[in-house]
Amino acid sequence: MSRPFSAFRANARDHRAGILVAALSAAFGVALVGGVNILGAYIGASQVGERGSVRLALAIVAGIFFVVAVYVGAIVTTNTFSTVIAGRTRTIALLRLIGSSARAQRRSVAAEGLAVGLIGGVIGGAVAAVLALAAARVFVATGMLPDASYPVLTPSMVGPVVVVVLTTWLASWIGSRRVLSVTPVQALGAAEERPARVVRSRSRLTVSLVLIVGGGAVLTLGLLLGLHVLAPLSAFFARISPYGVLVAMAGGILSFTGVVLAAPFFLPTVLRGVGLLFGRGAAGRLAAANAVRNPERSSRTAIGLVIGVTLITMFVVAASTWLELIRDASAREPGLYDGVSEIIGGVLAVFTVLVGFSAVIAACGVVNTLSLSVLQRRRELGLLRALGFSAAQVRRMILAESAQLTVASVLTGLVLGTLYGWIGAQSLLGGIPGGALLAPVLPWPFLVAIVLAAAALAVAAALAPTRRATRLSPVEALAVE
């Protein structure tokens, strides 16, 4: 146990955002378990709860939300460690030069990930457990919940903490794979991103396409199962049709993983195209060119925002489509769903708060990756200053990069989120009595708010590190390791 913490202590400053992500992920999972315990007891005591269908849907949706939160946290942690390793290239190379092996360096980074997961997971889980217990008592005291026994603190709350620790450790191991490619000769240079030919390898493209196509096929299967289209074909399909949303979730995770892996192939081009719309000045042209010149850095930064926009869009589209499905089914089957709307409204209110954890996790990843990327470019920015760029021009270039990042990421996230949200709603409730295939419901006020929030986040995340980087004189910036 001392080894991971010794590696962590030596680089603690790099991992503050990672600890926050692990804490939020664990808090989300523990709060979700507590919320499901409370809602399960409440629904079980109601007339609707006797049918069991609403409680089953609640458990399925809760499981999906937790898996999504852990998945988002894992991607954010992977990106964070990749960014940290990019900034440590020279240090790692120096250690290689004096005899340390690449595998030993990677084990050291993974040990830091284990320490990050342990610290963040325990803190987040403990805080969420206390808050869940307090919230249950407040809801009962204020009359929001009837006076009854609600099993909030249960052994199942330990599960999310363990899962977060393990996924953080695994994500750090995946994110540190770049250590294997660092050579001792790089000790003579500065921290830099890998060239495009290394990032855009044929094997990476093949794996990403397999995941996107295979995940899309599984998504389609989940949709058809949820609509009970396949049930008449065989007894097997009839048995698994109620779990179409779980199949769709697996397809969503596979396909989105493929999108993340494929990001260096398509996002830099999208970013460059968007960047050209921001003017033909030197700062704007350079910002557009940077997206293609450093595909790893630009795609890694953009994908964090894509995750956040996709997640929130998926939830609001799924919730809106879910409610429309219930209304449509109620109109087709009068009296069958009496009282369900009120319960669904309460459930959605609770999950609206819970999904905010995942949004904050993604936001932390965006802020951390953007900040680290800008700070690691101090030599590059110093060279631009030495070539005649003013501090204001450098700031305009970074802001132009943030603007093109926002536009490209928001467009990608809106499309993916709408697709995943619609399929999620249809695969969960499309096959209920009176259910039907409906078009996705787009809550435009929420979508506009998502766009504005993403823009504000990207700009705010770039401003502070840009000011710090441009305070250095060109000579000082060029001397930064």
Protein backbone atom coordinates (compact mmCIF):
# COMPACT_ATOMS: atom_id res chain seq x y z
CA MET A 1 0.00 0.00 0.00
CA SER A 2 2.91 2.36 0.69
CA ARG A 3 4.21 2.09 -2.87
CA PRO A 4 1.17 3.59 -4.65
CA PHE A 5 0.93 6.39 -2.11
CA SER A 6 4.64 7.22 -2.39
CA ALA A 7 4.27 7.59 -6.16
CA PHE A 8 1.13 9.63 -5.61
CA ARG A 9 2.76 11.99 -3.10
CA ALA A 10 5.55 12.82 -5.53
CA ASN A 11 3.02 14.04 -8.13
CA ALA A 12 0.03 14.98 -5.97
CA ARG A 13 -0.55 18.32 -7.71
CA ASP A 14 -1.23 16.58 -11.04
CA HIS A 15 -4.00 14.47 -9.52
CA ARG A 16 -6.32 16.94 -7.80
CA ALA A 17 -8.81 16.76 -10.67
CA GLY A 18 -8.51 12.96 -10.76
CA ILE A 19 -9.36 12.70 -7.07
CA LEU A 20 -12.36 14.98 -7.64
CA VAL A 21 -13.57 12.80 -10.52
CA ALA A 22 -13.20 9.62 -8.44
CA ALA A 23 -14.97 11.25 -5.48
CA LEU A 24 -17.85 12.43 -7.67
CA SER A 25 -18.17 9.02 -9.34
CA ALA A 26 -18.29 7.24 -5.98
CA ALA A 27 -20.68 9.83 -4.55
CA PHE A 28 -22.93 9.38 -7.57
CA GLY A 29 -23.04 5.62 -7.15
CA VAL A 30 -23.65 5.72 -3.41
CA ALA A 31 -26.29 8.45 -3.75
CA LEU A 32 -27.93 6.43 -6.49
CA VAL A 33 -28.12 3.34 -4.28
CA GLY A 34 -29.60 5.43 -1.48
CA GLY A 35 -32.09 7.07 -3.86
CA VAL A 36 -33.18 3.72 -5.28
CA ASN A 37 -33.64 2.34 -1.75
CA ILE A 38 -35.88 5.28 -0.83
CA LEU A 39 -37.88 5.28 -4.07
CA GLY A 40 -38.20 1.50 -4.02
CA ALA A 41 -39.72 1.60 -0.53
CA TYR A 42 -42.02 4.46 -1.53
CA ILE A 43 -43.22 2.85 -4.76
CA GLY A 44 -43.53 -0.55 -3.11
CA ALA A 45 -46.01 0.90 -0.63
CA SER A 46 -48.09 2.54 -3.37
CA GLN A 47 -50.86 0.97 -5.41
CA VAL A 48 -48.85 1.22 -8.60
CA GLY A 49 -45.87 -0.43 -6.96
CA GLU A 50 -47.83 -3.67 -6.55
CA ARG A 51 -47.56 -4.33 -10.27
CA GLY A 52 -43.79 -4.41 -10.03
CA SER A 53 -43.25 -2.91 -13.49
CA VAL A 54 -42.41 0.57 -12.25
CA ARG A 55 -40.00 -0.80 -9.64
CA LEU A 56 -38.30 -2.93 -12.30
CA ALA A 57 -37.97 0.09 -14.59
CA LEU A 58 -36.57 2.09 -11.66
CA ALA A 59 -33.92 -0.53 -10.92
CA ILE A 60 -32.95 -0.79 -14.59
CA VAL A 61 -32.68 2.97 -15.05
CA ALA A 62 -30.67 3.31 -11.83
CA GLY A 63 -28.26 0.63 -13.00
CA ILE A 64 -27.90 2.35 -16.35
CA PHE A 65 -27.17 5.70 -14.73
CA PHE A 66 -24.48 4.18 -12.52
CA VAL A 67 -22.83 2.39 -15.43
CA VAL A 68 -22.90 5.63 -17.43
CA ALA A 69 -21.35 7.56 -14.53
CA VAL A 70 -18.56 5.00 -14.08
CA TYR A 71 -17.98 4.94 -17.84
CA VAL A 72 -17.76 8.74 -18.01
CA GLY A 73 -15.41 8.80 -15.03
CA ALA A 74 -13.19 6.14 -16.63
CA ILE A 75 -12.88 8.09 -19.89
CA VAL A 76 -12.19 11.34 -18.05
CA THR A 77 -9.53 9.62 -15.92
CA THR A 78 -7.95 8.04 -18.99
CA ASN A 79 -7.78 11.41 -20.75
CA THR A 80 -6.42 13.08 -17.62
CA PHE A 81 -3.61 10.56 -17.23
CA SER A 82 -2.82 10.78 -20.95
CA THR A 83 -2.50 14.55 -20.62
CA VAL A 84 -0.37 14.25 -17.49
CA ILE A 85 1.95 11.76 -19.22
CA ALA A 86 2.30 14.12 -22.20
CA GLY A 87 3.57 16.77 -19.79
CA ARG A 88 5.99 14.34 -18.11
CA THR A 89 7.65 13.11 -21.29
CA ARG A 90 11.02 14.65 -20.48
CA THR A 91 11.01 13.50 -16.85
CA ILE A 92 10.13 9.93 -17.84
CA ALA A 93 12.82 10.00 -20.53
CA LEU A 94 15.41 11.15 -17.97
CA LEU A 95 14.46 8.22 -15.71
CA ARG A 96 14.79 5.91 -18.71
CA LEU A 97 18.20 7.40 -19.42
CA ILE A 98 19.48 6.49 -15.95
CA GLY A 99 18.26 2.91 -16.18
CA SER A 100 14.54 2.74 -15.35
CA SER A 101 12.44 0.59 -17.67
CA ALA A 102 9.30 1.71 -19.48
CA ARG A 103 7.25 -0.96 -17.71
CA ALA A 104 8.48 0.20 -14.31
CA GLN A 105 7.46 3.76 -15.16
CA ARG A 106 4.03 2.58 -16.29
CA ARG A 107 3.55 0.59 -13.08
CA SER A 108 4.43 3.73 -11.14
CA VAL A 109 1.76 5.75 -12.98
CA ALA A 110 -0.81 2.98 -12.47
CA ALA A 111 0.05 2.98 -8.75
CA GLU A 112 -0.76 6.69 -8.71
CA GLY A 113 -4.12 5.84 -10.29
CA LEU A 114 -4.84 3.30 -7.56
CA ALA A 115 -4.07 5.92 -4.90
CA VAL A 116 -6.29 8.45 -6.68
CA GLY A 117 -9.15 5.93 -6.79
CA LEU A 118 -8.80 4.96 -3.14
CA ILE A 119 -8.67 8.52 -1.83
CA GLY A 120 -11.43 9.87 -4.06
CA GLY A 121 -13.66 6.80 -3.75
CA VAL A 122 -13.60 6.66 0.04
CA ILE A 123 -14.15 10.40 0.48
CA GLY A 124 -16.94 10.60 -2.10
CA GLY A 125 -18.70 7.47 -0.87
CA ALA A 126 -18.64 8.56 2.78
CA VAL A 127 -19.96 12.04 2.03
CA ALA A 128 -22.75 10.71 -0.21
CA ALA A 129 -23.85 8.13 2.39
CA VAL A 130 -24.19 10.81 5.06
CA LEU A 131 -26.07 13.14 2.70
CA ALA A 132 -28.43 10.37 1.55
CA LEU A 133 -29.35 9.55 5.14
CA ALA A 134 -29.87 13.22 5.97
CA ALA A 135 -31.95 13.78 2.82
CA ALA A 136 -34.28 10.89 3.67
CA ARG A 137 -34.95 12.32 7.13
CA VAL A 138 -35.49 15.83 5.75
CA PHE A 139 -37.96 14.55 3.14
CA VAL A 140 -39.94 12.73 5.81
CA ALA A 141 -39.86 15.72 8.19
CA THR A 142 -41.10 18.12 5.47
CA GLY A 143 -43.84 15.79 4.26
CA MET A 144 -42.28 15.13 0.84
CA LEU A 145 -42.22 11.44 1.76
CA PRO A 146 -44.73 9.60 3.99
CA ASP A 147 -43.56 8.65 7.47
CA ALA A 148 -42.18 5.14 7.03
CA SER A 149 -38.99 3.10 7.33
CA TYR A 150 -36.59 3.76 4.44
CA PRO A 151 -33.52 1.47 4.20
CA VAL A 152 -30.97 4.06 3.09
CA LEU A 153 -27.65 2.75 4.47
CA THR A 154 -27.18 -0.78 3.14
CA PRO A 155 -24.13 -2.97 2.36
CA SER A 156 -24.83 -2.38 -1.34
CA MET A 157 -23.40 1.13 -0.93
CA VAL A 158 -19.90 -0.37 -0.73
CA GLY A 159 -20.23 -1.69 -4.28
CA PRO A 160 -20.01 1.68 -6.09
CA VAL A 161 -16.88 2.64 -4.13
CA VAL A 162 -15.12 -0.61 -5.04
CA VAL A 163 -16.14 -0.24 -8.69
CA VAL A 164 -14.83 3.34 -8.84
CA VAL A 165 -11.47 2.37 -7.29
CA LEU A 166 -11.01 -0.48 -9.76
CA THR A 167 -12.08 1.52 -12.82
CA THR A 168 -9.84 4.45 -11.83
CA TRP A 169 -6.92 2.06 -11.49
CA LEU A 170 -7.71 0.47 -14.87
CA ALA A 171 -8.21 3.88 -16.52
CA SER A 172 -4.83 5.07 -15.24
CA TRP A 173 -3.21 1.93 -16.67
CA ILE A 174 -4.83 2.55 -20.05
CA GLY A 175 -4.02 6.26 -19.97
CA SER A 176 -0.38 5.53 -19.15
CA ARG A 177 0.19 3.29 -22.19
CA ARG A 178 2.06 6.17 -23.81
CA VAL A 179 4.88 5.64 -21.29
CA LEU A 180 5.91 2.56 -23.30
CA SER A 181 6.75 4.76 -26.32
CA VAL A 182 8.92 7.30 -24.44
CA THR A 183 12.61 6.88 -25.34
CA PRO A 184 15.68 8.08 -23.39
CA VAL A 185 16.65 10.46 -26.22
CA GLN A 186 13.50 12.50 -25.53
CA ALA A 187 15.19 13.71 -22.33
CA LEU A 188 16.98 16.22 -24.54
CA GLY A 189 13.74 17.82 -25.71
CA ALA A 190 10.54 19.19 -24.24
CA ALA A 191 7.17 17.59 -23.55
CA GLU A 192 5.34 17.09 -26.82
CA GLU A 193 2.41 15.25 -28.32
CA ARG A 194 2.89 12.22 -30.53
CA PRO A 195 2.92 12.84 -34.30
CA ALA A 196 -0.25 12.30 -36.34
CA ARG A 197 1.06 9.14 -38.03
CA VAL A 198 1.44 7.45 -34.63
CA VAL A 199 -1.94 8.56 -33.30
CA ARG A 200 -3.85 7.69 -36.48
CA SER A 201 -2.67 4.12 -36.79
CA ARG A 202 -4.41 1.57 -38.97
CA SER A 203 -5.04 -0.73 -36.00
CA ARG A 204 -6.75 2.09 -34.08
CA LEU A 205 -8.98 2.84 -37.05
CA THR A 206 -9.89 -0.83 -37.45
CA VAL A 207 -10.78 -1.28 -33.77
CA SER A 208 -12.84 1.94 -33.70
CA LEU A 209 -14.81 0.95 -36.82
CA VAL A 210 -15.51 -2.51 -35.41
CA LEU A 211 -16.80 -0.96 -32.18
CA ILE A 212 -18.95 1.64 -33.97
CA VAL A 213 -20.49 -0.84 -36.41
CA GLY A 214 -20.86 -3.61 -33.83
CA GLY A 215 -22.22 -1.22 -31.21
CA GLY A 216 -24.68 0.20 -33.74
CA ALA A 217 -25.94 -3.30 -34.47
CA VAL A 218 -26.41 -4.02 -30.76
CA LEU A 219 -28.21 -0.67 -30.34
CA THR A 220 -30.60 -1.62 -33.13
CA LEU A 221 -31.18 -5.02 -31.54
CA GLY A 222 -32.00 -3.37 -28.21
CA LEU A 223 -34.47 -1.02 -29.91
CA LEU A 224 -36.23 -3.89 -31.69
CA LEU A 225 -36.37 -5.92 -28.48
CA GLY A 226 -37.80 -2.98 -26.54
CA LEU A 227 -40.50 -2.50 -29.16
CA HIS A 228 -41.31 -6.26 -28.95
CA VAL A 229 -40.84 -6.54 -32.70
CA LEU A 230 -38.74 -9.70 -32.34
CA ALA A 231 -40.84 -11.34 -29.61
CA PRO A 232 -43.14 -13.22 -32.04
CA LEU A 233 -40.14 -14.78 -33.78
CA SER A 234 -39.03 -17.08 -30.95
CA ALA A 235 -39.46 -17.84 -27.28
CA PHE A 236 -35.92 -16.59 -26.62
CA PHE A 237 -36.65 -13.12 -28.00
CA ALA A 238 -39.93 -13.07 -26.06
CA ARG A 239 -38.06 -13.73 -22.79
CA ILE A 240 -35.41 -11.04 -23.29
CA SER A 241 -37.64 -8.36 -24.82
CA PRO A 242 -38.29 -6.68 -21.41
CA TYR A 243 -34.54 -6.12 -21.13
CA GLY A 244 -34.08 -4.43 -24.47
CA VAL A 245 -32.83 -1.27 -22.76
CA LEU A 246 -29.92 -3.22 -21.22
CA VAL A 247 -28.96 -4.52 -24.65
CA ALA A 248 -29.22 -0.98 -26.01
CA MET A 249 -27.02 0.30 -23.18
CA ALA A 250 -24.31 -2.21 -24.09
CA GLY A 251 -24.56 -1.11 -27.71
CA GLY A 252 -24.33 2.53 -26.69
CA ILE A 253 -21.18 1.93 -24.63
CA LEU A 254 -19.54 -0.05 -27.44
CA SER A 255 -20.40 2.47 -30.15
CA PHE A 256 -19.42 5.50 -28.08
CA THR A 257 -16.10 3.85 -27.18
CA GLY A 258 -15.57 3.49 -30.91
CA VAL A 259 -16.33 7.19 -31.37
CA VAL A 260 -13.79 8.08 -28.66
CA LEU A 261 -11.12 5.95 -30.33
CA ALA A 262 -11.95 7.40 -33.75
CA ALA A 263 -11.84 11.00 -32.49
CA PRO A 264 -8.29 11.72 -33.81
CA PHE A 265 -9.46 10.75 -37.31
CA PHE A 266 -12.48 13.05 -37.63
CA LEU A 267 -12.52 15.67 -34.85
CA PRO A 268 -9.38 17.59 -35.94
CA THR A 269 -10.84 18.02 -39.43
CA VAL A 270 -14.14 19.20 -37.99
CA LEU A 271 -12.31 21.54 -35.63
CA ARG A 272 -10.25 22.99 -38.48
CA GLY A 273 -13.35 23.54 -40.62
CA VAL A 274 -15.12 25.31 -37.77
CA GLY A 275 -11.97 27.30 -36.97
CA LEU A 276 -11.80 28.74 -40.48
CA LEU A 277 -15.16 30.41 -39.81
CA PHE A 278 -13.60 32.60 -37.10
CA GLY A 279 -11.69 34.87 -39.46
CA ARG A 280 -8.54 34.92 -41.55
CA GLY A 281 -6.29 36.69 -39.04
CA ALA A 282 -3.02 35.15 -37.90
CA ALA A 283 -4.47 34.01 -34.57
CA GLY A 284 -7.54 32.45 -36.20
CA ARG A 285 -5.55 30.67 -38.92
CA LEU A 286 -3.06 29.31 -36.42
CA ALA A 287 -5.85 28.10 -34.13
CA ALA A 288 -7.44 26.22 -37.05
CA ALA A 289 -4.10 24.71 -38.07
CA ASN A 290 -3.29 23.56 -34.52
CA ALA A 291 -6.25 21.17 -34.55
CA VAL A 292 -4.74 19.20 -37.44
CA ARG A 293 -1.10 19.65 -36.41
CA ASN A 294 -1.76 18.07 -32.98
CA PRO A 295 -4.63 15.59 -33.52
CA GLU A 296 -4.05 13.80 -30.22
CA ARG A 297 -4.22 16.97 -28.13
CA SER A 298 -7.17 18.50 -30.00
CA SER A 299 -9.24 15.29 -30.05
CA ARG A 300 -8.49 14.48 -26.40
CA THR A 301 -9.62 17.95 -25.36
CA ALA A 302 -12.70 17.94 -27.58
CA ILE A 303 -13.89 14.48 -26.58
CA GLY A 304 -14.26 15.58 -22.96
CA LEU A 305 -16.80 18.20 -23.99
CA VAL A 306 -18.47 15.74 -26.37
CA ILE A 307 -18.99 13.37 -23.43
CA GLY A 308 -20.65 16.06 -21.32
CA VAL A 309 -22.96 17.32 -24.07
CA THR A 310 -23.87 13.78 -25.14
CA LEU A 311 -24.67 12.78 -21.57
CA ILE A 312 -26.95 15.71 -20.77
CA THR A 313 -28.63 15.64 -24.18
CA MET A 314 -29.22 11.91 -23.84
CA PHE A 315 -30.91 12.38 -20.50
CA VAL A 316 -33.20 15.28 -21.44
CA VAL A 317 -34.21 13.66 -24.73
CA ALA A 318 -34.81 10.29 -23.02
CA ALA A 319 -36.85 11.89 -20.22
CA SER A 320 -38.96 13.96 -22.64
CA THR A 321 -39.54 11.00 -24.95
CA TRP A 322 -40.29 8.78 -21.95
CA LEU A 323 -43.04 11.13 -20.72
CA GLU A 324 -44.48 11.42 -24.24
CA LEU A 325 -44.57 7.62 -24.52
CA ILE A 326 -46.53 7.40 -21.25
CA ARG A 327 -48.98 10.09 -22.38
CA ASP A 328 -49.47 8.40 -25.73
CA ALA A 329 -49.97 4.99 -24.10
CA SER A 330 -52.44 6.48 -21.60
CA ALA A 331 -54.48 7.89 -24.48
CA ARG A 332 -54.52 4.48 -26.17
CA GLU A 333 -55.26 2.54 -22.95
CA PRO A 334 -57.45 4.78 -20.72
CA GLY A 335 -57.24 4.01 -17.03
CA LEU A 336 -54.28 1.67 -17.28
CA TYR A 337 -51.69 4.23 -16.21
CA ASP A 338 -53.64 6.23 -13.64
CA GLY A 339 -51.22 7.64 -11.05
CA VAL A 340 -48.11 6.74 -13.04
CA SER A 341 -47.46 10.29 -14.28
CA GLU A 342 -47.03 11.63 -10.76
CA ILE A 343 -44.63 8.86 -9.80
CA ILE A 344 -42.65 9.27 -13.03
CA GLY A 345 -42.45 13.00 -12.39
CA GLY A 346 -40.96 12.38 -8.95
CA VAL A 347 -38.56 9.76 -10.28
CA LEU A 348 -37.38 12.12 -13.03
CA ALA A 349 -36.86 14.90 -10.51
CA VAL A 350 -34.61 12.65 -8.44
CA PHE A 351 -32.68 11.40 -11.45
CA THR A 352 -32.30 14.96 -12.76
CA VAL A 353 -30.27 15.72 -9.64
CA LEU A 354 -28.35 12.45 -9.86
CA VAL A 355 -27.40 12.87 -13.52
CA GLY A 356 -25.90 16.22 -12.56
CA PHE A 357 -23.08 14.24 -10.94
CA SER A 358 -22.13 12.79 -14.33
CA ALA A 359 -22.31 16.23 -15.93
CA VAL A 360 -19.99 17.65 -13.26
CA ILE A 361 -17.61 14.70 -13.76
CA ALA A 362 -17.43 15.46 -17.48
CA ALA A 363 -17.04 19.19 -16.78
CA CYS A 364 -14.10 18.48 -14.45
CA GLY A 365 -12.48 16.50 -17.23
CA VAL A 366 -12.94 19.36 -19.71
CA VAL A 367 -11.53 21.97 -17.34
CA ASN A 368 -8.57 19.82 -16.28
CA THR A 369 -7.63 18.72 -19.81
CA LEU A 370 -7.91 22.24 -21.22
CA SER A 371 -5.92 23.75 -18.38
CA LEU A 372 -3.16 21.14 -18.53
CA SER A 373 -2.96 21.39 -22.32
CA VAL A 374 -2.52 25.17 -22.23
CA LEU A 375 0.05 25.08 -19.42
CA GLN A 376 2.03 22.35 -21.19
CA ARG A 377 2.23 24.59 -24.27
CA ARG A 378 4.17 27.36 -22.53
CA ARG A 379 7.25 26.73 -24.67
CA GLU A 380 5.11 26.83 -27.82
CA LEU A 381 3.42 30.04 -26.68
CA GLY A 382 6.79 31.51 -25.74
CA LEU A 383 8.10 30.77 -29.25
CA LEU A 384 5.10 32.58 -30.76
CA ARG A 385 5.83 35.57 -28.50
CA ALA A 386 9.48 35.49 -29.61
CA LEU A 387 8.36 35.48 -33.26
CA GLY A 388 6.32 38.64 -32.75
CA PHE A 389 2.93 37.56 -31.40
CA SER A 390 1.61 39.83 -28.70
CA ALA A 391 0.07 38.47 -25.50
CA ALA A 392 -3.33 39.59 -26.80
CA GLN A 393 -2.84 37.64 -30.05
CA VAL A 394 -1.89 34.51 -28.11
CA ARG A 395 -5.02 34.88 -25.98
CA ARG A 396 -7.13 35.33 -29.13
CA MET A 397 -5.61 32.17 -30.58
CA ILE A 398 -6.45 30.14 -27.45
CA LEU A 399 -9.97 31.60 -27.34
CA ALA A 400 -10.42 30.78 -31.03
CA GLU A 401 -9.36 27.20 -30.28
CA SER A 402 -11.88 27.09 -27.42
CA ALA A 403 -14.61 28.47 -29.68
CA GLN A 404 -14.01 25.94 -32.42
CA LEU A 405 -13.80 23.23 -29.75
CA THR A 406 -17.19 24.27 -28.40
CA VAL A 407 -18.96 24.36 -31.77
CA ALA A 408 -17.57 21.03 -33.01
CA SER A 409 -18.08 19.24 -29.70
CA VAL A 410 -21.60 20.56 -29.14
CA LEU A 411 -22.74 19.56 -32.63
CA THR A 412 -21.28 16.06 -32.20
CA GLY A 413 -22.70 15.69 -28.70
CA LEU A 414 -26.19 16.87 -29.68
CA VAL A 415 -26.41 14.33 -32.50
CA LEU A 416 -25.10 11.43 -30.40
CA GLY A 417 -27.12 12.39 -27.30
CA THR A 418 -30.36 12.66 -29.26
CA LEU A 419 -29.81 9.26 -30.86
CA TYR A 420 -28.87 7.50 -27.60
CA GLY A 421 -31.65 9.19 -25.60
CA TRP A 422 -34.34 8.30 -28.12
CA ILE A 423 -33.23 4.66 -28.39
CA GLY A 424 -32.99 4.44 -24.59
CA ALA A 425 -36.55 5.66 -24.10
CA GLN A 426 -37.99 3.46 -26.84
CA SER A 427 -36.13 0.34 -25.74
CA LEU A 428 -37.34 0.85 -22.14
CA LEU A 429 -41.02 1.71 -22.69
CA GLY A 430 -41.74 1.27 -26.39
CA GLY A 431 -43.26 -2.17 -25.81
CA ILE A 432 -45.62 -1.33 -22.92
CA PRO A 433 -49.39 -1.77 -23.52
CA GLY A 434 -50.44 1.10 -25.75
CA GLY A 435 -46.83 1.95 -26.55
CA ALA A 436 -45.69 2.89 -30.05
CA LEU A 437 -42.68 4.08 -32.01
CA LEU A 438 -42.50 7.88 -31.60
CA ALA A 439 -40.12 10.48 -32.93
CA PRO A 440 -37.56 11.81 -30.43
CA VAL A 441 -38.89 14.68 -28.33
CA LEU A 442 -36.43 17.61 -28.38
CA PRO A 443 -36.82 20.00 -25.42
CA TRP A 444 -35.35 23.07 -27.15
CA PRO A 445 -34.99 25.30 -24.05
CA PHE A 446 -32.86 22.63 -22.38
CA LEU A 447 -30.80 22.08 -25.53
CA VAL A 448 -30.12 25.82 -25.86
CA ALA A 449 -29.07 25.90 -22.20
CA ILE A 450 -26.68 22.99 -22.87
CA VAL A 451 -25.07 24.87 -25.77
CA LEU A 452 -24.61 28.05 -23.71
CA ALA A 453 -23.24 26.16 -20.71
CA ALA A 454 -20.75 24.26 -22.87
CA ALA A 455 -19.53 27.48 -24.47
CA ALA A 456 -19.10 29.20 -21.10
CA LEU A 457 -17.27 26.17 -19.68
CA ALA A 458 -14.80 25.90 -22.58
CA VAL A 459 -13.96 29.61 -22.56
CA ALA A 460 -13.67 29.83 -18.77
CA ALA A 461 -11.43 26.75 -18.66
CA ALA A 462 -8.99 28.30 -21.15
CA LEU A 463 -8.84 31.86 -19.78
CA ALA A 464 -7.03 31.32 -16.47
CA PRO A 465 -4.20 29.08 -17.76
CA THR A 466 -3.79 31.35 -20.80
CA ARG A 467 -3.26 34.38 -18.56
CA ARG A 468 -0.71 32.43 -16.51
CA ALA A 469 1.12 31.25 -19.62
CA THR A 470 1.28 34.70 -21.24
CA ARG A 471 2.56 36.39 -18.06
CA LEU A 472 5.94 34.78 -18.69
CA SER A 473 8.36 36.63 -20.93
CA PRO A 474 9.29 34.83 -24.19
CA VAL A 475 12.73 33.95 -22.77
CA GLU A 476 11.25 32.50 -19.56
CA ALA A 477 8.62 30.53 -21.49
CA LEU A 478 11.22 29.01 -23.83
CA ALA A 479 13.23 27.89 -20.79
CA VAL A 480 10.28 25.94 -19.29
CA GLU A 481 10.86 22.18 -19.29
